[in-house]
C-alpha atoms as a PDB file:
ATOM      1  CA  UNK A   1     -17.686 -23.749  -9.772  1.00  0.00           C
ATOM      2  CA  UNK A   2     -15.241 -21.182  -8.609  1.00  0.00           C
ATOM      3  CA  UNK A   3     -16.735 -18.767  -5.964  1.00  0.00           C
ATOM      4  CA  UNK A   4     -15.349 -15.521  -4.525  1.00  0.00           C
ATOM      5  CA  UNK A   5     -16.364 -13.590  -1.397  1.00  0.00           C
ATOM      6  CA  UNK A   6     -19.217 -11.155  -2.317  1.00  0.00           C
ATOM      7  CA  UNK A   7     -19.262  -9.178   0.700  1.00  0.00           C
ATOM      8  CA  UNK A   8     -16.532  -8.240   3.457  1.00  0.00           C
ATOM      9  CA  UNK A   9     -16.293 -10.275   6.605  1.00  0.00           C
ATOM     10  CA  UNK A  10     -16.899  -7.263   8.969  1.00  0.00           C
ATOM     11  CA  UNK A  11     -18.883  -4.053   8.422  1.00  0.00           C
ATOM     12  CA  UNK A  12     -17.967  -0.879  10.009  1.00  0.00           C
ATOM     13  CA  UNK A  13     -20.501   3.257   7.783  1.00  0.00           C
ATOM     14  CA  UNK A  14     -19.727   6.026   4.231  1.00  0.00           C
ATOM     15  CA  UNK A  15     -17.043   4.960   2.033  1.00  0.00           C
ATOM     16  CA  UNK A  16     -15.617   5.948  -1.380  1.00  0.00           C
ATOM     17  CA  UNK A  17     -18.606   5.688  -3.887  1.00  0.00           C
ATOM     18  CA  UNK A  18     -18.404   2.833  -6.424  1.00  0.00           C
ATOM     19  CA  UNK A  19     -16.649   3.937  -9.641  1.00  0.00           C
ATOM     20  CA  UNK A  20     -19.088   4.955 -12.387  1.00  0.00           C
ATOM     21  CA  UNK A  21     -18.078   2.746 -15.219  1.00  0.00           C
ATOM     22  CA  UNK A  22     -21.015   2.690 -17.592  1.00  0.00           C
ATOM     23  CA  UNK A  23     -19.937  -0.173 -19.836  1.00  0.00           C
ATOM     24  CA  UNK A  24     -23.277  -0.980 -21.353  1.00  0.00           C
ATOM     25  CA  UNK A  25     -22.075  -3.976 -23.200  1.00  0.00           C
ATOM     26  CA  UNK A  26     -21.244  -5.836 -19.939  1.00  0.00           C
ATOM     27  CA  UNK A  27     -23.850  -4.563 -17.431  1.00  0.00           C
ATOM     28  CA  UNK A  28     -25.431  -8.001 -17.027  1.00  0.00           C
ATOM     29  CA  UNK A  29     -22.069 -10.010 -17.243  1.00  0.00           C
ATOM     30  CA  UNK A  30     -23.628 -13.314 -17.625  1.00  0.00           C
ATOM     31  CA  UNK A  31     -20.102 -14.977 -17.013  1.00  0.00           C
ATOM     32  CA  UNK A  32     -20.009 -13.372 -13.721  1.00  0.00           C
ATOM     33  CA  UNK A  33     -23.434 -14.879 -13.003  1.00  0.00           C
ATOM     34  CA  UNK A  34     -22.425 -18.222 -14.239  1.00  0.00           C
ATOM     35  CA  UNK A  35     -19.358 -18.380 -12.040  1.00  0.00           C
ATOM     36  CA  UNK A  36     -20.979 -16.844  -9.008  1.00  0.00           C
ATOM     37  CA  UNK A  37     -18.690 -13.846  -9.019  1.00  0.00           C
ATOM     38  CA  UNK A  38     -20.134 -10.519  -7.761  1.00  0.00           C
ATOM     39  CA  UNK A  39     -20.876  -7.945 -10.448  1.00  0.00           C
ATOM     40  CA  UNK A  40     -19.331  -5.228  -8.350  1.00  0.00           C
ATOM     41  CA  UNK A  41     -17.191  -5.108  -5.355  1.00  0.00           C
ATOM     42  CA  UNK A  42     -19.255  -4.392  -2.246  1.00  0.00           C
ATOM     43  CA  UNK A  43     -18.493  -1.533   0.167  1.00  0.00           C
ATOM     44  CA  UNK A  44     -18.268  -2.005   3.907  1.00  0.00           C
ATOM     45  CA  UNK A  45     -19.393   1.002   6.164  1.00  0.00           C
ATOM     46  CA  UNK A  46     -17.031   3.685   6.969  1.00  0.00           C
ATOM     47  CA  UNK A  47     -14.912   3.916  10.146  1.00  0.00           C
ATOM     48  CA  UNK A  48     -11.891   6.203  11.093  1.00  0.00           C
ATOM     49  CA  UNK A  49      -8.643   4.680  12.464  1.00  0.00           C
ATOM     50  CA  UNK A  50      -8.457   4.568  16.298  1.00  0.00           C
ATOM     51  CA  UNK A  51      -7.127   7.711  17.863  1.00  0.00           C
ATOM     52  CA  UNK A  52      -5.856   5.618  20.694  1.00  0.00           C
ATOM     53  CA  UNK A  53      -3.931   3.396  18.366  1.00  0.00           C
ATOM     54  CA  UNK A  54      -2.358   6.465  16.719  1.00  0.00           C
ATOM     55  CA  UNK A  55      -1.498   8.013  20.045  1.00  0.00           C
ATOM     56  CA  UNK A  56       0.288   4.814  20.986  1.00  0.00           C
ATOM     57  CA  UNK A  57       2.398   5.111  17.796  1.00  0.00           C
ATOM     58  CA  UNK A  58       3.261   8.763  18.259  1.00  0.00           C
ATOM     59  CA  UNK A  59       1.777  10.692  21.382  1.00  0.00           C
ATOM     60  CA  UNK A  60       2.398  13.833  19.460  1.00  0.00           C
ATOM     61  CA  UNK A  61      -0.237  12.806  16.844  1.00  0.00           C
ATOM     62  CA  UNK A  62      -2.990  12.219  19.277  1.00  0.00           C
ATOM     63  CA  UNK A  63      -4.762  15.582  18.335  1.00  0.00           C
ATOM     64  CA  UNK A  64      -3.705  15.878  14.821  1.00  0.00           C
ATOM     65  CA  UNK A  65      -6.260  15.580  11.982  1.00  0.00           C
ATOM     66  CA  UNK A  66      -6.136  12.361  10.233  1.00  0.00           C
ATOM     67  CA  UNK A  67      -6.124  13.875   6.808  1.00  0.00           C
ATOM     68  CA  UNK A  68      -3.005  15.883   7.658  1.00  0.00           C
ATOM     69  CA  UNK A  69      -1.406  12.634   8.978  1.00  0.00           C
ATOM     70  CA  UNK A  70      -2.145  10.959   5.709  1.00  0.00           C
ATOM     71  CA  UNK A  71      -0.873  13.845   3.546  1.00  0.00           C
ATOM     72  CA  UNK A  72       2.344  13.949   5.536  1.00  0.00           C
ATOM     73  CA  UNK A  73       2.946  10.363   5.269  1.00  0.00           C
ATOM     74  CA  UNK A  74       2.310  10.577   1.358  1.00  0.00           C
ATOM     75  CA  UNK A  75       4.660  13.492   1.165  1.00  0.00           C
ATOM     76  CA  UNK A  76       7.371  11.478   2.917  1.00  0.00           C
ATOM     77  CA  UNK A  77       6.952   8.406   0.776  1.00  0.00           C
ATOM     78  CA  UNK A  78      10.299   8.349  -0.864  1.00  0.00           C
ATOM     79  CA  UNK A  79      12.168   8.845   2.489  1.00  0.00           C
ATOM     80  CA  UNK A  80      10.007   6.098   3.903  1.00  0.00           C
ATOM     81  CA  UNK A  81      10.991   3.682   1.202  1.00  0.00           C
ATOM     82  CA  UNK A  82      14.666   4.639   1.567  1.00  0.00           C
ATOM     83  CA  UNK A  83      14.557   3.971   5.275  1.00  0.00           C
ATOM     84  CA  UNK A  84      12.893   0.535   4.677  1.00  0.00           C
ATOM     85  CA  UNK A  85      15.537  -0.294   2.115  1.00  0.00           C
ATOM     86  CA  UNK A  86      18.263   0.242   4.829  1.00  0.00           C
ATOM     87  CA  UNK A  87      16.714  -2.176   7.384  1.00  0.00           C
ATOM     88  CA  UNK A  88      17.082  -5.992   7.172  1.00  0.00           C
ATOM     89  CA  UNK A  89      13.853  -7.513   8.011  1.00  0.00           C
ATOM     90  CA  UNK A  90      13.511 -11.384   7.645  1.00  0.00           C
ATOM     91  CA  UNK A  91      10.903 -12.219   5.124  1.00  0.00           C
ATOM     92  CA  UNK A  92       9.195 -14.857   7.493  1.00  0.00           C
ATOM     93  CA  UNK A  93       8.970 -15.477  11.168  1.00  0.00           C
ATOM     94  CA  UNK A  94       8.074 -18.580  13.100  1.00  0.00           C
ATOM     95  CA  UNK A  95       4.446 -18.781  13.537  1.00  0.00           C
ATOM     96  CA  UNK A  96       4.331 -20.647  16.835  1.00  0.00           C
ATOM     97  CA  UNK A  97       6.600 -18.460  18.735  1.00  0.00           C
ATOM     98  CA  UNK A  98       6.530 -15.027  17.565  1.00  0.00           C
ATOM     99  CA  UNK A  99       8.947 -12.856  19.530  1.00  0.00           C
ATOM    100  CA  UNK A 100       7.609  -9.516  20.866  1.00  0.00           C
ATOM    101  CA  UNK A 101      10.291  -7.514  19.144  1.00  0.00           C
ATOM    102  CA  UNK A 102      12.726  -7.813  16.360  1.00  0.00           C
ATOM    103  CA  UNK A 103      16.267  -6.359  15.990  1.00  0.00           C
ATOM    104  CA  UNK A 104      16.281  -5.003  12.413  1.00  0.00           C
ATOM    105  CA  UNK A 105      20.054  -4.225  11.366  1.00  0.00           C
ATOM    106  CA  UNK A 106      20.542  -0.872   9.811  1.00  0.00           C
ATOM    107  CA  UNK A 107      22.890  -0.886   6.864  1.00  0.00           C
ATOM    108  CA  UNK A 108      25.364   2.214   6.689  1.00  0.00           C
ATOM    109  CA  UNK A 109      24.491   5.013   4.444  1.00  0.00           C
ATOM    110  CA  UNK A 110      25.752   8.314   3.435  1.00  0.00           C
ATOM    111  CA  UNK A 111      22.265   9.750   3.554  1.00  0.00           C
ATOM    112  CA  UNK A 112      20.326   8.161   6.290  1.00  0.00           C
ATOM    113  CA  UNK A 113      16.843   9.476   6.362  1.00  0.00           C
ATOM    114  CA  UNK A 114      15.256  11.367   9.170  1.00  0.00           C
ATOM    115  CA  UNK A 115      14.189   9.019  12.198  1.00  0.00           C
ATOM    116  CA  UNK A 116      10.582   9.852  11.343  1.00  0.00           C
ATOM    117  CA  UNK A 117      10.961   8.102   8.135  1.00  0.00           C
ATOM    118  CA  UNK A 118      11.694   4.689   9.748  1.00  0.00           C
ATOM    119  CA  UNK A 119       9.047   1.974  10.341  1.00  0.00           C
ATOM    120  CA  UNK A 120       7.633   1.805  13.742  1.00  0.00           C
ATOM    121  CA  UNK A 121       6.456  -1.872  13.735  1.00  0.00           C
ATOM    122  CA  UNK A 122       6.840  -5.081  12.002  1.00  0.00           C
ATOM    123  CA  UNK A 123       3.621  -6.623  10.924  1.00  0.00           C
ATOM    124  CA  UNK A 124       3.364 -10.565  11.201  1.00  0.00           C
ATOM    125  CA  UNK A 125       0.775 -11.462   8.563  1.00  0.00           C
ATOM    126  CA  UNK A 126      -1.332 -14.508   9.504  1.00  0.00           C
ATOM    127  CA  UNK A 127      -4.314 -15.976   7.485  1.00  0.00           C
ATOM    128  CA  UNK A 128      -7.943 -15.779   8.806  1.00  0.00           C
ATOM    129  CA  UNK A 129      -8.819 -18.855   6.686  1.00  0.00           C
ATOM    130  CA  UNK A 130      -9.088 -21.856   9.019  1.00  0.00           C
ATOM    131  CA  UNK A 131      -7.648 -24.244   6.467  1.00  0.00           C
ATOM    132  CA  UNK A 132      -4.413 -22.155   6.374  1.00  0.00           C
ATOM    133  CA  UNK A 133      -1.615 -23.697   8.366  1.00  0.00           C
ATOM    134  CA  UNK A 134       2.023 -22.556   8.023  1.00  0.00           C
ATOM    135  CA  UNK A 135       5.033 -22.824  10.098  1.00  0.00           C
ATOM    136  CA  UNK A 136       6.037 -19.401   9.260  1.00  0.00           C
ATOM    137  CA  UNK A 137       4.360 -16.021   8.683  1.00  0.00           C
ATOM    138  CA  UNK A 138       5.389 -13.181   6.256  1.00  0.00           C
ATOM    139  CA  UNK A 139       6.706 -10.087   7.954  1.00  0.00           C
ATOM    140  CA  UNK A 140       6.648  -6.426   6.596  1.00  0.00           C
ATOM    141  CA  UNK A 141       8.260  -3.366   8.353  1.00  0.00           C
ATOM    142  CA  UNK A 142       5.405  -0.900   8.485  1.00  0.00           C
ATOM    143  CA  UNK A 143       4.668   2.646   9.163  1.00  0.00           C
ATOM    144  CA  UNK A 144       1.827   3.806   6.847  1.00  0.00           C
ATOM    145  CA  UNK A 145      -0.885   1.216   7.609  1.00  0.00           C
ATOM    146  CA  UNK A 146      -2.148   2.736  10.847  1.00  0.00           C
ATOM    147  CA  UNK A 147      -3.495   6.112   9.727  1.00  0.00           C
ATOM    148  CA  UNK A 148      -5.023   4.192   6.638  1.00  0.00           C
ATOM    149  CA  UNK A 149      -6.774   1.320   8.564  1.00  0.00           C
ATOM    150  CA  UNK A 150      -9.793   1.445  10.824  1.00  0.00           C
ATOM    151  CA  UNK A 151      -9.364  -2.022  12.260  1.00  0.00           C
ATOM    152  CA  UNK A 152      -5.586  -2.622  12.907  1.00  0.00           C
ATOM    153  CA  UNK A 153      -4.954  -3.875  16.394  1.00  0.00           C
ATOM    154  CA  UNK A 154      -3.786  -1.515  19.209  1.00  0.00           C
ATOM    155  CA  UNK A 155      -0.080  -1.383  18.607  1.00  0.00           C
ATOM    156  CA  UNK A 156       2.489  -1.822  21.486  1.00  0.00           C
ATOM    157  CA  UNK A 157       4.240   1.448  22.318  1.00  0.00           C
ATOM    158  CA  UNK A 158       7.148   2.180  19.877  1.00  0.00           C
ATOM    159  CA  UNK A 159      10.451   3.958  20.962  1.00  0.00           C
ATOM    160  CA  UNK A 160      13.005   4.436  18.156  1.00  0.00           C
ATOM    161  CA  UNK A 161      16.313   5.933  18.441  1.00  0.00           C
ATOM    162  CA  UNK A 162      19.187   6.018  15.652  1.00  0.00           C
ATOM    163  CA  UNK A 163      22.725   5.362  17.014  1.00  0.00           C
ATOM    164  CA  UNK A 164      25.814   7.429  16.363  1.00  0.00           C
ATOM    165  CA  UNK A 165      26.780   7.767  12.744  1.00  0.00           C
ATOM    166  CA  UNK A 166      29.316   5.178  11.736  1.00  0.00           C
ATOM    167  CA  UNK A 167      28.347   2.491  14.234  1.00  0.00           C
ATOM    168  CA  UNK A 168      26.951  -0.740  13.106  1.00  0.00           C
ATOM    169  CA  UNK A 169      23.180  -0.476  14.413  1.00  0.00           C
ATOM    170  CA  UNK A 170      19.859  -2.037  14.657  1.00  0.00           C
ATOM    171  CA  UNK A 171      16.449  -0.769  15.408  1.00  0.00           C
ATOM    172  CA  UNK A 172      14.311  -2.763  17.816  1.00  0.00           C
ATOM    173  CA  UNK A 173      10.739  -2.893  16.420  1.00  0.00           C
ATOM    174  CA  UNK A 174       7.631  -4.311  18.115  1.00  0.00           C
ATOM    175  CA  UNK A 175       6.081  -7.220  16.306  1.00  0.00           C
ATOM    176  CA  UNK A 176       2.233  -6.797  15.769  1.00  0.00           C
ATOM    177  CA  UNK A 177       0.366  -9.999  14.593  1.00  0.00           C
ATOM    178  CA  UNK A 178      -2.107  -9.132  11.850  1.00  0.00           C
ATOM    179  CA  UNK A 179      -4.670 -11.662  10.718  1.00  0.00           C
ATOM    180  CA  UNK A 180      -6.133 -10.991   7.145  1.00  0.00           C
ATOM    181  CA  UNK A 181      -8.095 -12.997   4.737  1.00  0.00           C
ATOM    182  CA  UNK A 182      -5.386 -12.873   1.794  1.00  0.00           C
ATOM    183  CA  UNK A 183      -1.971 -12.885   3.010  1.00  0.00           C
ATOM    184  CA  UNK A 184      -0.688 -13.532  -0.431  1.00  0.00           C
ATOM    185  CA  UNK A 185      -2.089 -10.250  -1.734  1.00  0.00           C
ATOM    186  CA  UNK A 186      -0.988  -8.162   1.169  1.00  0.00           C
ATOM    187  CA  UNK A 187       2.238  -7.077  -0.299  1.00  0.00           C
ATOM    188  CA  UNK A 188       0.220  -5.047  -2.796  1.00  0.00           C
ATOM    189  CA  UNK A 189      -1.813  -3.275  -0.095  1.00  0.00           C
ATOM    190  CA  UNK A 190       1.378  -2.815   1.949  1.00  0.00           C
ATOM    191  CA  UNK A 191       3.343  -1.224  -1.042  1.00  0.00           C
ATOM    192  CA  UNK A 192       0.252   1.042  -2.007  1.00  0.00           C
ATOM    193  CA  UNK A 193       0.041   2.404   1.520  1.00  0.00           C
ATOM    194  CA  UNK A 194       3.728   3.367   1.492  1.00  0.00           C
ATOM    195  CA  UNK A 195       3.941   4.834  -2.119  1.00  0.00           C
ATOM    196  CA  UNK A 196       0.212   5.825  -2.761  1.00  0.00           C
ATOM    197  CA  UNK A 197       0.821   5.084  -6.391  1.00  0.00           C
ATOM    198  CA  UNK A 198      -2.341   3.874  -8.047  1.00  0.00           C
ATOM    199  CA  UNK A 199      -0.724   3.553 -11.289  1.00  0.00           C
ATOM    200  CA  UNK A 200       1.723   1.083  -9.942  1.00  0.00           C
ATOM    201  CA  UNK A 201      -1.070  -0.829  -8.209  1.00  0.00           C
ATOM    202  CA  UNK A 202      -3.108  -1.320 -11.226  1.00  0.00           C
ATOM    203  CA  UNK A 203      -0.059  -2.415 -13.251  1.00  0.00           C
ATOM    204  CA  UNK A 204       0.476  -5.123 -10.595  1.00  0.00           C
ATOM    205  CA  UNK A 205      -3.140  -6.104 -10.862  1.00  0.00           C
ATOM    206  CA  UNK A 206      -2.961  -6.324 -14.667  1.00  0.00           C
ATOM    207  CA  UNK A 207       0.691  -6.887 -15.401  1.00  0.00           C
ATOM    208  CA  UNK A 208       0.063  -8.005 -19.113  1.00  0.00           C
ATOM    209  CA  UNK A 209      -1.352  -4.315 -19.652  1.00  0.00           C
ATOM    210  CA  UNK A 210       1.331  -2.600 -17.716  1.00  0.00           C
ATOM    211  CA  UNK A 211       2.814  -0.938 -20.914  1.00  0.00           C
ATOM    212  CA  UNK A 212      -0.597   0.317 -21.915  1.00  0.00           C
ATOM    213  CA  UNK A 213      -1.563   1.887 -18.841  1.00  0.00           C
ATOM    214  CA  UNK A 214      -1.022   5.547 -18.060  1.00  0.00           C
ATOM    215  CA  UNK A 215       1.359   6.763 -15.225  1.00  0.00           C
ATOM    216  CA  UNK A 216       0.094   8.984 -12.329  1.00  0.00           C
ATOM    217  CA  UNK A 217      -0.378  12.630 -13.846  1.00  0.00           C
ATOM    218  CA  UNK A 218       1.671  14.943 -11.836  1.00  0.00           C
ATOM    219  CA  UNK A 219       3.585  12.673  -9.375  1.00  0.00           C
ATOM    220  CA  UNK A 220       1.679  12.318  -6.287  1.00  0.00           C
ATOM    221  CA  UNK A 221      -1.077  14.686  -7.212  1.00  0.00           C
ATOM    222  CA  UNK A 222      -3.662  12.757  -5.474  1.00  0.00           C
ATOM    223  CA  UNK A 223      -1.545  11.176  -2.595  1.00  0.00           C
ATOM    224  CA  UNK A 224      -3.240  11.447   0.678  1.00  0.00           C
ATOM    225  CA  UNK A 225      -6.076  13.550  -0.824  1.00  0.00           C
ATOM    226  CA  UNK A 226      -8.576  10.721  -0.908  1.00  0.00           C
ATOM    227  CA  UNK A 227      -9.826  11.901  -4.248  1.00  0.00           C
ATOM    228  CA  UNK A 228      -9.997  10.355  -7.743  1.00  0.00           C
ATOM    229  CA  UNK A 229      -7.383  11.610  -9.823  1.00  0.00           C
ATOM    230  CA  UNK A 230      -5.598   8.746 -11.660  1.00  0.00           C
ATOM    231  CA  UNK A 231      -8.781   6.676 -12.029  1.00  0.00           C
ATOM    232  CA  UNK A 232     -10.798   9.532 -13.317  1.00  0.00           C
ATOM    233  CA  UNK A 233      -8.847   9.672 -16.672  1.00  0.00           C
ATOM    234  CA  UNK A 234     -10.270   6.191 -17.678  1.00  0.00           C
ATOM    235  CA  UNK A 235     -13.288   6.608 -20.064  1.00  0.00           C
ATOM    236  CA  UNK A 236     -15.755   3.608 -20.913  1.00  0.00           C
ATOM    237  CA  UNK A 237     -14.028   3.343 -24.340  1.00  0.00           C
ATOM    238  CA  UNK A 238     -10.602   3.077 -22.866  1.00  0.00           C
ATOM    239  CA  UNK A 239     -11.807   0.420 -20.376  1.00  0.00           C
ATOM    240  CA  UNK A 240     -13.247  -1.659 -23.341  1.00  0.00           C
ATOM    241  CA  UNK A 241      -9.879  -1.411 -25.145  1.00  0.00           C
ATOM    242  CA  UNK A 242      -8.076  -2.696 -22.183  1.00  0.00           C
ATOM    243  CA  UNK A 243     -10.540  -5.461 -21.642  1.00  0.00           C
ATOM    244  CA  UNK A 244      -9.969  -6.423 -25.215  1.00  0.00           C
ATOM    245  CA  UNK A 245      -6.190  -6.453 -24.902  1.00  0.00           C
ATOM    246  CA  UNK A 246      -6.501  -8.390 -21.610  1.00  0.00           C
ATOM    247  CA  UNK A 247      -8.610 -11.051 -23.286  1.00  0.00           C
ATOM    248  CA  UNK A 248      -6.204 -11.099 -26.150  1.00  0.00           C
ATOM    249  CA  UNK A 249      -3.155 -11.592 -23.951  1.00  0.00           C
ATOM    250  CA  UNK A 250      -4.934 -14.309 -22.053  1.00  0.00           C
ATOM    251  CA  UNK A 251      -5.808 -16.336 -25.202  1.00  0.00           C
ATOM    252  CA  UNK A 252      -2.243 -15.834 -26.439  1.00  0.00           C
ATOM    253  CA  UNK A 253      -0.836 -17.096 -23.244  1.00  0.00           C
ATOM    254  CA  UNK A 254      -3.261 -20.263 -23.304  1.00  0.00           C
ATOM    255  CA  UNK A 255      -2.273 -20.960 -26.972  1.00  0.00           C
ATOM    256  CA  UNK A 256      -5.663 -20.150 -28.217  1.00  0.00           C
ATOM    257  CA  UNK A 257      -7.487 -22.379 -25.658  1.00  0.00           C
ATOM    258  CA  UNK A 258     -10.698 -20.744 -24.434  1.00  0.00           C
ATOM    259  CA  UNK A 259     -10.352 -22.763 -21.082  1.00  0.00           C
ATOM    260  CA  UNK A 260      -6.904 -21.798 -20.593  1.00  0.00           C
ATOM    261  CA  UNK A 261      -7.593 -18.074 -21.243  1.00  0.00           C
ATOM    262  CA  UNK A 262     -10.430 -18.192 -18.673  1.00  0.00           C
ATOM    263  CA  UNK A 263      -8.227 -19.806 -16.164  1.00  0.00           C
ATOM    264  CA  UNK A 264      -5.743 -16.986 -16.646  1.00  0.00           C
ATOM    265  CA  UNK A 265      -8.417 -14.382 -16.149  1.00  0.00           C
ATOM    266  CA  UNK A 266      -9.813 -16.301 -13.017  1.00  0.00           C
ATOM    267  CA  UNK A 267      -6.183 -15.862 -11.550  1.00  0.00           C
ATOM    268  CA  UNK A 268      -6.708 -12.081 -11.978  1.00  0.00           C
ATOM    269  CA  UNK A 269     -10.135 -12.462 -10.222  1.00  0.00           C
ATOM    270  CA  UNK A 270      -8.383 -14.182  -7.359  1.00  0.00           C
ATOM    271  CA  UNK A 271      -5.784 -11.499  -6.849  1.00  0.00           C
ATOM    272  CA  UNK A 272      -8.286  -8.499  -7.066  1.00  0.00           C
ATOM    273  CA  UNK A 273     -10.707 -10.341  -4.740  1.00  0.00           C
ATOM    274  CA  UNK A 274      -7.909 -11.080  -2.313  1.00  0.00           C
ATOM    275  CA  UNK A 275      -6.925  -7.522  -2.303  1.00  0.00           C
ATOM    276  CA  UNK A 276     -10.461  -6.379  -1.731  1.00  0.00           C
ATOM    277  CA  UNK A 277     -10.943  -8.825   1.187  1.00  0.00           C
ATOM    278  CA  UNK A 278      -7.898  -7.295   2.897  1.00  0.00           C
ATOM    279  CA  UNK A 279      -8.951  -3.758   2.127  1.00  0.00           C
ATOM    280  CA  UNK A 280     -12.407  -4.480   3.763  1.00  0.00           C
ATOM    281  CA  UNK A 281     -10.994  -6.339   6.812  1.00  0.00           C
ATOM    282  CA  UNK A 282      -8.686  -3.623   7.553  1.00  0.00           C
ATOM    283  CA  UNK A 283     -11.114  -0.813   6.861  1.00  0.00           C
ATOM    284  CA  UNK A 284      -8.968   1.119   4.353  1.00  0.00           C
ATOM    285  CA  UNK A 285     -11.196   3.742   2.676  1.00  0.00           C
ATOM    286  CA  UNK A 286      -8.824   5.342   0.210  1.00  0.00           C
ATOM    287  CA  UNK A 287     -10.661   6.720  -2.873  1.00  0.00           C
ATOM    288  CA  UNK A 288      -7.928   6.049  -5.444  1.00  0.00           C
ATOM    289  CA  UNK A 289      -7.344   2.433  -3.930  1.00  0.00           C
ATOM    290  CA  UNK A 290     -10.992   1.592  -4.341  1.00  0.00           C
ATOM    291  CA  UNK A 291     -11.092   3.243  -7.801  1.00  0.00           C
ATOM    292  CA  UNK A 292      -8.169   1.018  -8.964  1.00  0.00           C
ATOM    293  CA  UNK A 293      -9.960  -2.064  -7.647  1.00  0.00           C
ATOM    294  CA  UNK A 294     -13.276  -1.216  -9.351  1.00  0.00           C
ATOM    295  CA  UNK A 295     -11.400  -0.522 -12.534  1.00  0.00           C
ATOM    296  CA  UNK A 296      -9.359  -3.771 -12.446  1.00  0.00           C
ATOM    297  CA  UNK A 297     -12.444  -5.790 -11.626  1.00  0.00           C
ATOM    298  CA  UNK A 298     -14.480  -4.252 -14.433  1.00  0.00           C
ATOM    299  CA  UNK A 299     -11.705  -4.870 -16.964  1.00  0.00           C
ATOM    300  CA  UNK A 300     -11.204  -8.480 -15.997  1.00  0.00           C
ATOM    301  CA  UNK A 301     -15.045  -9.263 -16.119  1.00  0.00           C
ATOM    302  CA  UNK A 302     -15.286  -7.725 -19.444  1.00  0.00           C
ATOM    303  CA  UNK A 303     -12.344  -9.709 -20.758  1.00  0.00           C
ATOM    304  CA  UNK A 304     -13.984 -12.884 -19.434  1.00  0.00           C
ATOM    305  CA  UNK A 305     -17.075 -12.016 -21.200  1.00  0.00           C
ATOM    306  CA  UNK A 306     -15.272 -11.443 -24.424  1.00  0.00           C
ATOM    307  CA  UNK A 307     -13.428 -14.790 -24.217  1.00  0.00           C
ATOM    308  CA  UNK A 308     -16.504 -16.756 -23.223  1.00  0.00           C
ATOM    309  CA  UNK A 309     -18.443 -15.328 -26.242  1.00  0.00           C
ATOM    310  CA  UNK A 310     -15.552 -15.961 -28.574  1.00  0.00           C
ATOM    311  CA  UNK A 311     -15.504 -12.232 -29.660  1.00  0.00           C
END
């Protein structure tokens, strides 16, 4: 029997309310009960990011409201992504001997973003699963995770400086080890925190439905606002149609095999569950992020019910 975590590893106070999805056909979800899958994704208690940790990143932000910091980062998303693209960061680092810093070469560009757009740290991602052993760990240049997370470690002080134009340069970035339940799904969370695009995240969670999913209405209209904008446009009927389409895609991919289709849908369960575990462990309480996870979870469970009942 496949079993997924039904509650986060640690609890912190109020969080985004569970998405109200009155899909009456699937409220009992016998498939979820049979496979020991939680009917809904549990919420941990709420906690704000550490002010001390934020001050370590930038002393000028020590008294700035967190909501303002989040909105500023969201408004600077394109520049942050451009800055990330100019840095050469190794995709993995040696786990046994993590260096304290890393020199990230900066590729020349005619339009180098402002210094404030560049990452402040490199996260070295480790697994909290005792059975997980690896000689290397994934690494991510990072800037947006701190004001979104309540449980990130206290970062070492960061001091960045761009060299004169035209010189081959590198940024020296502190390395911060970060232990999480699901390293394999961390790229989804990392990308979301830097783009604040719920439509892109949902398409990543349900790739076979990507062409049927709406794009974000009014680019960035909910970015940093901690309000449901994108997810609010999904009616119960629309979710049912998506669930039917997902079930159909799974059956087609498996050549008509019910067992193969369920295995395909279970892979979706693992991805959404892994993302949820990371979000809980890091204490990320973004309303659109939780809304997308709720929505994807609901659609996948409804698709599993449809496949299991042969409808």
